[in-house]
C-alpha atoms as a PDB file:
ATOM      1  CA  SER A   1      20.163 -19.824   5.553  1.00  0.00           C
ATOM      2  CA  SER A   2      16.518 -19.983   6.517  1.00  0.00           C
ATOM      3  CA  CYS A   3      14.531 -18.451   9.362  1.00  0.00           C
ATOM      4  CA  PRO A   4      12.029 -20.866  10.976  1.00  0.00           C
ATOM      5  CA  LEU A   5      10.097 -18.014  12.612  1.00  0.00           C
ATOM      6  CA  TYR A   6       9.673 -16.236   9.264  1.00  0.00           C
ATOM      7  CA  ASP A   7       8.480 -19.426   7.593  1.00  0.00           C
ATOM      8  CA  GLU A   8       6.026 -20.045  10.426  1.00  0.00           C
ATOM      9  CA  ILE A   9       4.609 -16.509  10.230  1.00  0.00           C
ATOM     10  CA  VAL A  10       4.188 -16.660   6.457  1.00  0.00           C
ATOM     11  CA  LYS A  11       2.472 -20.041   6.755  1.00  0.00           C
ATOM     12  CA  HIS A  12      -0.074 -18.756   9.282  1.00  0.00           C
ATOM     13  CA  VAL A  13      -0.712 -15.534   7.340  1.00  0.00           C
ATOM     14  CA  ASN A  14      -1.265 -17.399   4.073  1.00  0.00           C
ATOM     15  CA  ILE A  15      -3.686 -19.763   5.810  1.00  0.00           C
ATOM     16  CA  LEU A  16      -5.731 -16.780   7.012  1.00  0.00           C
ATOM     17  CA  LEU A  17      -5.638 -15.022   3.639  1.00  0.00           C
ATOM     18  CA  SER A  18      -6.947 -18.153   1.957  1.00  0.00           C
ATOM     19  CA  GLU A  19     -10.052 -18.174   4.172  1.00  0.00           C
ATOM     20  CA  PRO A  20     -13.383 -17.283   2.491  1.00  0.00           C
ATOM     21  CA  THR A  21     -14.820 -13.914   3.453  1.00  0.00           C
ATOM     22  CA  PRO A  22     -16.618 -12.745   5.426  1.00  0.00           C
ATOM     23  CA  LEU A  23     -14.986 -14.766   8.181  1.00  0.00           C
ATOM     24  CA  ARG A  24     -17.387 -17.095   9.942  1.00  0.00           C
ATOM     25  CA  GLU A  25     -15.427 -17.215  13.180  1.00  0.00           C
ATOM     26  CA  MET A  26     -12.428 -15.544  14.791  1.00  0.00           C
ATOM     27  CA  ASN A  27     -10.576 -18.793  15.407  1.00  0.00           C
ATOM     28  CA  ALA A  28      -6.967 -19.926  15.872  1.00  0.00           C
ATOM     29  CA  LYS A  29      -6.224 -19.179  12.204  1.00  0.00           C
ATOM     30  CA  PHE A  30      -6.950 -15.495  12.826  1.00  0.00           C
ATOM     31  CA  THR A  31      -5.117 -15.427  16.171  1.00  0.00           C
ATOM     32  CA  ASN A  32      -1.991 -17.183  14.882  1.00  0.00           C
ATOM     33  CA  ALA A  33      -1.747 -14.883  11.855  1.00  0.00           C
ATOM     34  CA  LEU A  34      -2.247 -11.786  14.007  1.00  0.00           C
ATOM     35  CA  ILE A  35       0.490 -12.865  16.439  1.00  0.00           C
ATOM     36  CA  GLY A  36       2.840 -13.528  13.542  1.00  0.00           C
ATOM     37  CA  LEU A  37       2.132 -10.139  11.994  1.00  0.00           C
ATOM     38  CA  ARG A  38       2.839  -8.473  15.336  1.00  0.00           C
ATOM     39  CA  GLN A  39       6.146 -10.350  15.447  1.00  0.00           C
ATOM     40  CA  PHE A  40       6.870  -8.966  11.982  1.00  0.00           C
ATOM     41  CA  HIS A  41       6.183  -5.451  13.222  1.00  0.00           C
ATOM     42  CA  SER A  42       8.214  -5.862  16.409  1.00  0.00           C
ATOM     43  CA  SER A  43      11.257  -7.062  14.472  1.00  0.00           C
ATOM     44  CA  LEU A  44      10.895  -4.370  11.822  1.00  0.00           C
ATOM     45  CA  SER A  45      10.433  -1.461  14.233  1.00  0.00           C
ATOM     46  CA  ASN A  46      13.344  -2.672  16.355  1.00  0.00           C
ATOM     47  CA  ASN A  47      12.142  -0.685  19.373  1.00  0.00           C
ATOM     48  CA  ASN A  48      11.886  -3.495  21.926  1.00  0.00           C
ATOM     49  CA  SER A  49       8.099  -3.052  22.210  1.00  0.00           C
ATOM     50  CA  ASP A  50       7.114  -6.643  21.464  1.00  0.00           C
ATOM     51  CA  SER A  51       3.692  -7.598  22.823  1.00  0.00           C
ATOM     52  CA  THR A  52       3.797 -11.272  21.836  1.00  0.00           C
ATOM     53  CA  GLY A  53       6.252 -12.582  24.419  1.00  0.00           C
ATOM     54  CA  THR A  54       8.670 -13.725  21.722  1.00  0.00           C
ATOM     55  CA  ASP A  55      12.322 -14.325  22.578  1.00  0.00           C
ATOM     56  CA  PRO A  56      14.202 -11.089  21.687  1.00  0.00           C
ATOM     57  CA  LYS A  57      16.951 -13.143  20.053  1.00  0.00           C
ATOM     58  CA  LEU A  58      14.393 -14.699  17.683  1.00  0.00           C
ATOM     59  CA  LEU A  59      13.117 -11.235  16.779  1.00  0.00           C
ATOM     60  CA  GLN A  60      16.670 -10.042  16.091  1.00  0.00           C
ATOM     61  CA  ASP A  61      17.247 -13.033  13.814  1.00  0.00           C
ATOM     62  CA  LEU A  62      13.925 -12.331  12.108  1.00  0.00           C
ATOM     63  CA  ARG A  63      14.909  -8.717  11.479  1.00  0.00           C
ATOM     64  CA  LYS A  64      18.209  -9.772   9.904  1.00  0.00           C
ATOM     65  CA  TYR A  65      16.374 -12.242   7.693  1.00  0.00           C
ATOM     66  CA  LEU A  66      13.755  -9.668   6.684  1.00  0.00           C
ATOM     67  CA  HIS A  67      16.512  -7.478   5.260  1.00  0.00           C
ATOM     68  CA  ARG A  68      16.735 -10.079   2.494  1.00  0.00           C
ATOM     69  CA  LYS A  69      12.971 -10.403   2.127  1.00  0.00           C
ATOM     70  CA  VAL A  70      11.770  -6.811   1.956  1.00  0.00           C
ATOM     71  CA  PRO A  71       9.760  -7.011  -1.310  1.00  0.00           C
ATOM     72  CA  GLU A  72       8.102 -10.248  -0.184  1.00  0.00           C
ATOM     73  CA  CYS A  73       7.360  -8.840   3.255  1.00  0.00           C
ATOM     74  CA  VAL A  74       5.833  -5.667   1.761  1.00  0.00           C
ATOM     75  CA  GLY A  75       3.706  -7.820  -0.506  1.00  0.00           C
ATOM     76  CA  ILE A  76       2.421  -9.901   2.407  1.00  0.00           C
ATOM     77  CA  LEU A  77       1.582  -6.852   4.518  1.00  0.00           C
ATOM     78  CA  THR A  78      -0.192  -5.199   1.583  1.00  0.00           C
ATOM     79  CA  ARG A  79      -2.314  -8.321   1.069  1.00  0.00           C
ATOM     80  CA  VAL A  80      -3.190  -8.272   4.774  1.00  0.00           C
ATOM     81  CA  LEU A  81      -4.212  -4.613   4.459  1.00  0.00           C
ATOM     82  CA  GLU A  82      -6.551  -5.539   1.607  1.00  0.00           C
ATOM     83  CA  PHE A  83      -7.890  -8.547   3.526  1.00  0.00           C
ATOM     84  CA  GLY A  84      -8.625  -6.332   6.529  1.00  0.00           C
ATOM     85  CA  PHE A  85     -11.146  -4.460   4.392  1.00  0.00           C
ATOM     86  CA  GLN A  86     -12.736  -7.656   3.089  1.00  0.00           C
ATOM     87  CA  CYS A  87     -12.822 -10.153   5.947  1.00  0.00           C
ATOM     88  CA  GLY A  88     -15.680  -8.771   8.035  1.00  0.00           C
ATOM     89  CA  THR A  89     -16.616 -10.462  11.297  1.00  0.00           C
ATOM     90  CA  PRO A  90     -19.079 -13.226  12.197  1.00  0.00           C
ATOM     91  CA  VAL A  91     -21.400 -10.591  13.675  1.00  0.00           C
ATOM     92  CA  HIS A  92     -20.863  -7.849  11.080  1.00  0.00           C
ATOM     93  CA  PRO A  93     -20.025  -9.164   7.570  1.00  0.00           C
ATOM     94  CA  GLN A  94     -19.250  -5.676   6.228  1.00  0.00           C
ATOM     95  CA  ALA A  95     -17.036  -4.670   9.132  1.00  0.00           C
ATOM     96  CA  LEU A  96     -13.377  -3.744   8.870  1.00  0.00           C
ATOM     97  CA  SER A  97     -10.794  -5.621  10.916  1.00  0.00           C
ATOM     98  CA  VAL A  98      -9.020  -2.990  12.981  1.00  0.00           C
ATOM     99  CA  PRO A  99      -6.409  -5.460  14.333  1.00  0.00           C
ATOM    100  CA  LEU A 100      -5.365  -6.545  10.823  1.00  0.00           C
ATOM    101  CA  LEU A 101      -5.447  -3.032   9.404  1.00  0.00           C
ATOM    102  CA  SER A 102      -3.460  -1.635  12.320  1.00  0.00           C
ATOM    103  CA  VAL A 103      -0.713  -4.267  12.290  1.00  0.00           C
ATOM    104  CA  SER A 104      -0.316  -4.228   8.491  1.00  0.00           C
ATOM    105  CA  ILE A 105      -0.101  -0.429   8.378  1.00  0.00           C
ATOM    106  CA  ALA A 106       2.338  -0.408  11.300  1.00  0.00           C
ATOM    107  CA  GLY A 107       4.546  -3.016   9.616  1.00  0.00           C
ATOM    108  CA  LEU A 108       4.585  -1.161   6.304  1.00  0.00           C
ATOM    109  CA  MET A 109       5.322   2.133   8.046  1.00  0.00           C
ATOM    110  CA  ALA A 110       8.269   0.527   9.854  1.00  0.00           C
ATOM    111  CA  ILE A 111       9.712  -0.566   6.510  1.00  0.00           C
ATOM    112  CA  PHE A 112       9.276   2.788   4.778  1.00  0.00           C
ATOM    113  CA  LEU A 113      10.660   4.690   7.765  1.00  0.00           C
ATOM    114  CA  ASP A 114      13.857   2.631   7.594  1.00  0.00           C
ATOM    115  CA  ALA A 115      16.021   3.956   4.753  1.00  0.00           C
ATOM    116  CA  GLN A 116      17.909   0.700   4.353  1.00  0.00           C
ATOM    117  CA  LEU A 117      14.753  -1.379   4.127  1.00  0.00           C
ATOM    118  CA  ALA A 118      12.810   1.107   1.992  1.00  0.00           C
ATOM    119  CA  SER A 119      15.645   1.316  -0.539  1.00  0.00           C
ATOM    120  CA  GLN A 120      14.970  -2.321  -1.460  1.00  0.00           C
ATOM    121  CA  VAL A 121      11.362  -1.693  -2.473  1.00  0.00           C
ATOM    122  CA  SER A 122      10.857  -2.052  -6.230  1.00  0.00           C
ATOM    123  CA  GLU A 123       8.542  -0.061  -8.500  1.00  0.00           C
ATOM    124  CA  LYS A 124       6.145  -3.000  -8.750  1.00  0.00           C
ATOM    125  CA  THR A 125       5.977  -3.468  -4.975  1.00  0.00           C
ATOM    126  CA  LEU A 126       5.629   0.249  -4.248  1.00  0.00           C
ATOM    127  CA  SER A 127       2.833   0.443  -6.797  1.00  0.00           C
ATOM    128  CA  LEU A 128       0.902  -2.225  -4.885  1.00  0.00           C
ATOM    129  CA  VAL A 129       1.261  -0.315  -1.605  1.00  0.00           C
ATOM    130  CA  ILE A 130       0.255   3.097  -2.950  1.00  0.00           C
ATOM    131  CA  HIS A 131      -2.614   1.638  -4.973  1.00  0.00           C
ATOM    132  CA  ARG A 132      -3.940  -0.243  -1.963  1.00  0.00           C
ATOM    133  CA  GLY A 133      -3.606   2.874   0.190  1.00  0.00           C
ATOM    134  CA  THR A 134      -5.424   4.975  -2.413  1.00  0.00           C
ATOM    135  CA  VAL A 135      -8.266   2.480  -2.773  1.00  0.00           C
ATOM    136  CA  SER A 136      -8.548   2.207   1.010  1.00  0.00           C
ATOM    137  CA  LEU A 137      -8.815   5.963   1.471  1.00  0.00           C
ATOM    138  CA  LEU A 138     -11.835   6.006  -0.831  1.00  0.00           C
ATOM    139  CA  ASP A 139     -13.637   3.163   0.958  1.00  0.00           C
ATOM    140  CA  ARG A 140     -17.047   4.533   1.884  1.00  0.00           C
ATOM    141  CA  ARG A 141     -17.067   2.584   5.140  1.00  0.00           C
ATOM    142  CA  LEU A 142     -14.400   4.932   6.485  1.00  0.00           C
ATOM    143  CA  SER A 143     -16.682   7.913   6.014  1.00  0.00           C
ATOM    144  CA  ALA A 144     -17.741   9.507   9.281  1.00  0.00           C
ATOM    145  CA  ALA A 145     -21.339   9.252   8.060  1.00  0.00           C
ATOM    146  CA  SER A 146     -21.090   5.511   7.403  1.00  0.00           C
ATOM    147  CA  ASP A 147     -22.380   2.907   9.821  1.00  0.00           C
ATOM    148  CA  SER A 148     -21.424  -0.120   7.697  1.00  0.00           C
ATOM    149  CA  SER A 149     -17.817  -0.390   8.921  1.00  0.00           C
ATOM    150  CA  GLY A 150     -18.693  -1.555  12.402  1.00  0.00           C
ATOM    151  CA  LEU A 151     -16.462   1.256  13.703  1.00  0.00           C
ATOM    152  CA  ASP A 152     -17.230   4.477  15.518  1.00  0.00           C
ATOM    153  CA  ALA A 153     -16.479   7.826  13.881  1.00  0.00           C
ATOM    154  CA  SER A 154     -13.335   8.390  15.933  1.00  0.00           C
ATOM    155  CA  THR A 155     -11.807   5.054  14.915  1.00  0.00           C
ATOM    156  CA  CYS A 156     -12.692   5.663  11.253  1.00  0.00           C
ATOM    157  CA  LYS A 157     -10.959   9.034  11.421  1.00  0.00           C
ATOM    158  CA  LYS A 158      -7.836   7.444  12.928  1.00  0.00           C
ATOM    159  CA  MET A 159      -7.767   4.755  10.238  1.00  0.00           C
ATOM    160  CA  VAL A 160      -8.020   7.350   7.459  1.00  0.00           C
ATOM    161  CA  LYS A 161      -5.190   9.312   9.028  1.00  0.00           C
ATOM    162  CA  ALA A 162      -3.020   6.191   9.362  1.00  0.00           C
ATOM    163  CA  ILE A 163      -3.618   5.102   5.745  1.00  0.00           C
ATOM    164  CA  ASN A 164      -2.918   8.618   4.498  1.00  0.00           C
ATOM    165  CA  LYS A 165       0.355   8.690   6.440  1.00  0.00           C
ATOM    166  CA  LEU A 166       1.284   5.313   4.952  1.00  0.00           C
ATOM    167  CA  ALA A 167       0.697   6.506   1.375  1.00  0.00           C
ATOM    168  CA  ILE A 168       2.815   9.602   2.016  1.00  0.00           C
ATOM    169  CA  GLN A 169       5.619   7.725   3.783  1.00  0.00           C
ATOM    170  CA  ALA A 170       5.708   5.034   1.110  1.00  0.00           C
ATOM    171  CA  SER A 171       6.153   7.770  -1.509  1.00  0.00           C
ATOM    172  CA  TYR A 172       8.858   9.485   0.578  1.00  0.00           C
ATOM    173  CA  GLY A 173      10.646   6.407   1.865  1.00  0.00           C
ATOM    174  CA  ALA A 174      11.325   4.553  -1.384  1.00  0.00           C
ATOM    175  CA  LYS A 175      14.149   5.624  -3.653  1.00  0.00           C
ATOM    176  CA  ARG A 176      13.062   8.920  -5.154  1.00  0.00           C
ATOM    177  CA  HIS A 177      13.246   7.869  -8.802  1.00  0.00           C
ATOM    178  CA  ILE A 178      11.333   4.678  -7.983  1.00  0.00           C
ATOM    179  CA  SER A 179       8.640   6.749  -6.299  1.00  0.00           C
ATOM    180  CA  ILE A 180       8.291   9.184  -9.207  1.00  0.00           C
ATOM    181  CA  GLN A 181       8.266   6.356 -11.732  1.00  0.00           C
ATOM    182  CA  THR A 182       5.561   4.562  -9.725  1.00  0.00           C
ATOM    183  CA  LEU A 183       3.370   7.637  -9.357  1.00  0.00           C
ATOM    184  CA  ILE A 184       3.604   8.413 -13.083  1.00  0.00           C
ATOM    185  CA  SER A 185       2.546   4.855 -13.938  1.00  0.00           C
ATOM    186  CA  LEU A 186      -0.329   4.890 -11.437  1.00  0.00           C
ATOM    187  CA  GLN A 187      -1.534   8.254 -12.714  1.00  0.00           C
ATOM    188  CA  MET A 188      -1.693   6.902 -16.256  1.00  0.00           C
ATOM    189  CA  LYS A 189      -3.529   3.792 -15.040  1.00  0.00           C
ATOM    190  CA  TYR A 190      -6.179   5.805 -13.198  1.00  0.00           C
ATOM    191  CA  CYS A 191      -6.653   8.334 -15.993  1.00  0.00           C
ATOM    192  CA  LEU A 192      -7.070   5.643 -18.636  1.00  0.00           C
ATOM    193  CA  SER A 193      -9.527   3.693 -16.472  1.00  0.00           C
ATOM    194  CA  SER A 194     -11.991   6.591 -16.375  1.00  0.00           C
ATOM    195  CA  ASP A 195     -14.583   7.099 -19.088  1.00  0.00           C
ATOM    196  CA  PRO A 196     -15.319  10.801 -19.718  1.00  0.00           C
ATOM    197  CA  SER A 197     -18.495   9.855 -21.625  1.00  0.00           C
ATOM    198  CA  THR A 198     -20.060   8.567 -18.405  1.00  0.00           C
ATOM    199  CA  PRO A 199     -19.143  11.179 -15.754  1.00  0.00           C
ATOM    200  CA  SER A 200     -21.715   9.814 -13.312  1.00  0.00           C
ATOM    201  CA  ASP A 201     -20.302   6.300 -13.422  1.00  0.00           C
ATOM    202  CA  GLU A 202     -19.005   5.187 -10.001  1.00  0.00           C
ATOM    203  CA  ASN A 203     -15.805   3.693 -11.437  1.00  0.00           C
ATOM    204  CA  THR A 204     -15.079   6.909 -13.311  1.00  0.00           C
ATOM    205  CA  SER A 205     -15.651   8.959 -10.164  1.00  0.00           C
ATOM    206  CA  SER A 206     -13.312   6.711  -8.154  1.00  0.00           C
ATOM    207  CA  ALA A 207     -10.640   6.941 -10.857  1.00  0.00           C
ATOM    208  CA  HIS A 208     -10.832  10.749 -10.761  1.00  0.00           C
ATOM    209  CA  ARG A 209     -10.513  10.781  -6.987  1.00  0.00           C
ATOM    210  CA  MET A 210      -7.590   8.352  -7.031  1.00  0.00           C
ATOM    211  CA  SER A 211      -5.935  10.493  -9.692  1.00  0.00           C
ATOM    212  CA  ARG A 212      -6.190  13.544  -7.423  1.00  0.00           C
ATOM    213  CA  ILE A 213      -4.556  11.613  -4.572  1.00  0.00           C
ATOM    214  CA  ILE A 214      -1.669  10.592  -6.849  1.00  0.00           C
ATOM    215  CA  THR A 215      -1.263  14.204  -8.010  1.00  0.00           C
ATOM    216  CA  LYS A 216      -0.905  15.344  -4.397  1.00  0.00           C
ATOM    217  CA  LEU A 217       1.628  12.614  -3.642  1.00  0.00           C
ATOM    218  CA  PHE A 218       3.574  13.442  -6.794  1.00  0.00           C
ATOM    219  CA  SER A 219       3.738  17.108  -5.822  1.00  0.00           C
ATOM    220  CA  ARG A 220       5.036  16.206  -2.359  1.00  0.00           C
ATOM    221  CA  VAL A 221       7.738  13.909  -3.754  1.00  0.00           C
ATOM    222  CA  ILE A 222       8.925  16.497  -6.295  1.00  0.00           C
ATOM    223  CA  LYS A 223       9.136  19.164  -3.607  1.00  0.00           C
ATOM    224  CA  ALA A 224      11.059  16.784  -1.332  1.00  0.00           C
ATOM    225  CA  GLU A 225      13.579  16.118  -4.108  1.00  0.00           C
ATOM    226  CA  GLU A 226      13.912  19.832  -4.885  1.00  0.00           C
ATOM    227  CA  ASN A 227      14.826  20.431  -1.239  1.00  0.00           C
ATOM    228  CA  GLU A 228      17.793  18.050  -1.441  1.00  0.00           C
ATOM    229  CA  MET A 229      21.311  19.532  -1.438  1.00  0.00           C
ATOM    230  CA  THR A 230      21.826  18.246  -4.984  1.00  0.00           C
ATOM    231  CA  PRO A 231      18.340  17.604  -6.418  1.00  0.00           C
ATOM    232  CA  PHE A 232      18.006  15.025  -9.192  1.00  0.00           C
ATOM    233  CA  SER A 233      21.710  14.222  -8.919  1.00  0.00           C
ATOM    234  CA  SER A 234      22.879  11.026 -10.607  1.00  0.00           C
ATOM    235  CA  SER A 235      24.503  10.060  -7.291  1.00  0.00           C
ATOM    236  CA  HIS A 236      21.105   9.083  -5.896  1.00  0.00           C
ATOM    237  CA  PHE A 237      18.565   9.644  -8.662  1.00  0.00           C
ATOM    238  CA  ASP A 238      18.328   7.317 -11.669  1.00  0.00           C
ATOM    239  CA  LEU A 239      16.679   9.381 -14.384  1.00  0.00           C
ATOM    240  CA  GLY A 240      16.449   6.507 -16.885  1.00  0.00           C
ATOM    241  CA  PRO A 241      13.410   4.695 -15.424  1.00  0.00           C
ATOM    242  CA  VAL A 242      11.583   8.003 -14.972  1.00  0.00           C
ATOM    243  CA  LEU A 243      12.105   8.947 -18.633  1.00  0.00           C
ATOM    244  CA  LYS A 244      10.912   5.489 -19.698  1.00  0.00           C
ATOM    245  CA  ALA A 245       7.771   5.887 -17.589  1.00  0.00           C
ATOM    246  CA  MET A 246       7.119   9.293 -19.125  1.00  0.00           C
ATOM    247  CA  ASP A 247       7.675   7.875 -22.600  1.00  0.00           C
ATOM    248  CA  LYS A 248       5.049   5.196 -21.944  1.00  0.00           C
ATOM    249  CA  VAL A 249       2.595   7.883 -20.849  1.00  0.00           C
ATOM    250  CA  LEU A 250       3.182   9.933 -23.997  1.00  0.00           C
ATOM    251  CA  ILE A 251       2.756   6.867 -26.222  1.00  0.00           C
ATOM    252  CA  ARG A 252      -0.499   5.901 -24.503  1.00  0.00           C
ATOM    253  CA  CYS A 253      -1.782   9.474 -24.662  1.00  0.00           C
ATOM    254  CA  GLN A 254      -1.014   9.599 -28.383  1.00  0.00           C
ATOM    255  CA  ALA A 255      -2.837   6.301 -28.886  1.00  0.00           C
ATOM    256  CA  GLN A 256      -5.845   7.554 -26.934  1.00  0.00           C
ATOM    257  CA  TRP A 257      -5.911  10.818 -28.900  1.00  0.00           C
ATOM    258  CA  THR A 258      -5.674   8.967 -32.208  1.00  0.00           C
ATOM    259  CA  SER A 259      -8.480   6.607 -31.182  1.00  0.00           C
ATOM    260  CA  ALA A 260     -10.710   9.474 -30.068  1.00  0.00           C
ATOM    261  CA  SER A 261     -10.034  11.396 -33.298  1.00  0.00           C
ATOM    262  CA  THR A 262     -10.941   8.327 -35.373  1.00  0.00           C
ATOM    263  CA  ILE A 263     -14.229   7.888 -33.527  1.00  0.00           C
ATOM    264  CA  THR A 264     -15.054  11.575 -33.886  1.00  0.00           C
ATOM    265  CA  SER A 265     -14.344  11.507 -37.619  1.00  0.00           C
ATOM    266  CA  ALA A 266     -16.534   8.439 -38.069  1.00  0.00           C
ATOM    267  CA  VAL A 267     -19.416  10.177 -36.340  1.00  0.00           C
END
């Protein structure tokens, strides 16, 4: 069965996300998408705090439907989070959209705080969320010393805190082996994207900083698993995908070492 409200929300959100940036006007496209995203959050949080005036029965039906659409919903909210950093405003092209950032973070947090919903998040989807959170944390516009975000220092600080909490909760909330597998894969991606021969390069610096964030998240997840009654038990922890992820890392490291050795020998 379908859910008309879900289809309507997705339609409005996709219309907004297809708009060129920076946004030239805050029109009905923005308003309709924002209302829909707030309906998403209200149904996901299930705390009767809807601010959109939507029929509670429709929100209940939406929540039931979202249980079958978790990966898609996470993907949509992650795209909105990215768009919130890109869309600007008609007055301030480099500004961040606090309404979009707030509602996307709130929606994602609601999913990862719900064990039943979070358990449906795949490695690919979780990777998108953690990567987007990591990139967002390093956005210079969120620096207290920056005046390019269009936000005051207090709001920037709150946004950093919210994004940091999202990255942590996403790592905690997903199935533990999925989380570890994802963090291993992201760590390899960030390490391989840096070029040690150009330490002053901005991309290299960002890769190093993202790698440190992943290391901290990885440490937290491992400690959380170690505190379980039966850590790394096959009853809840699938070791297979983790070993495969580690194997990929070792193969890539060997390839990188071989390549570096060949270059050194040639020189």
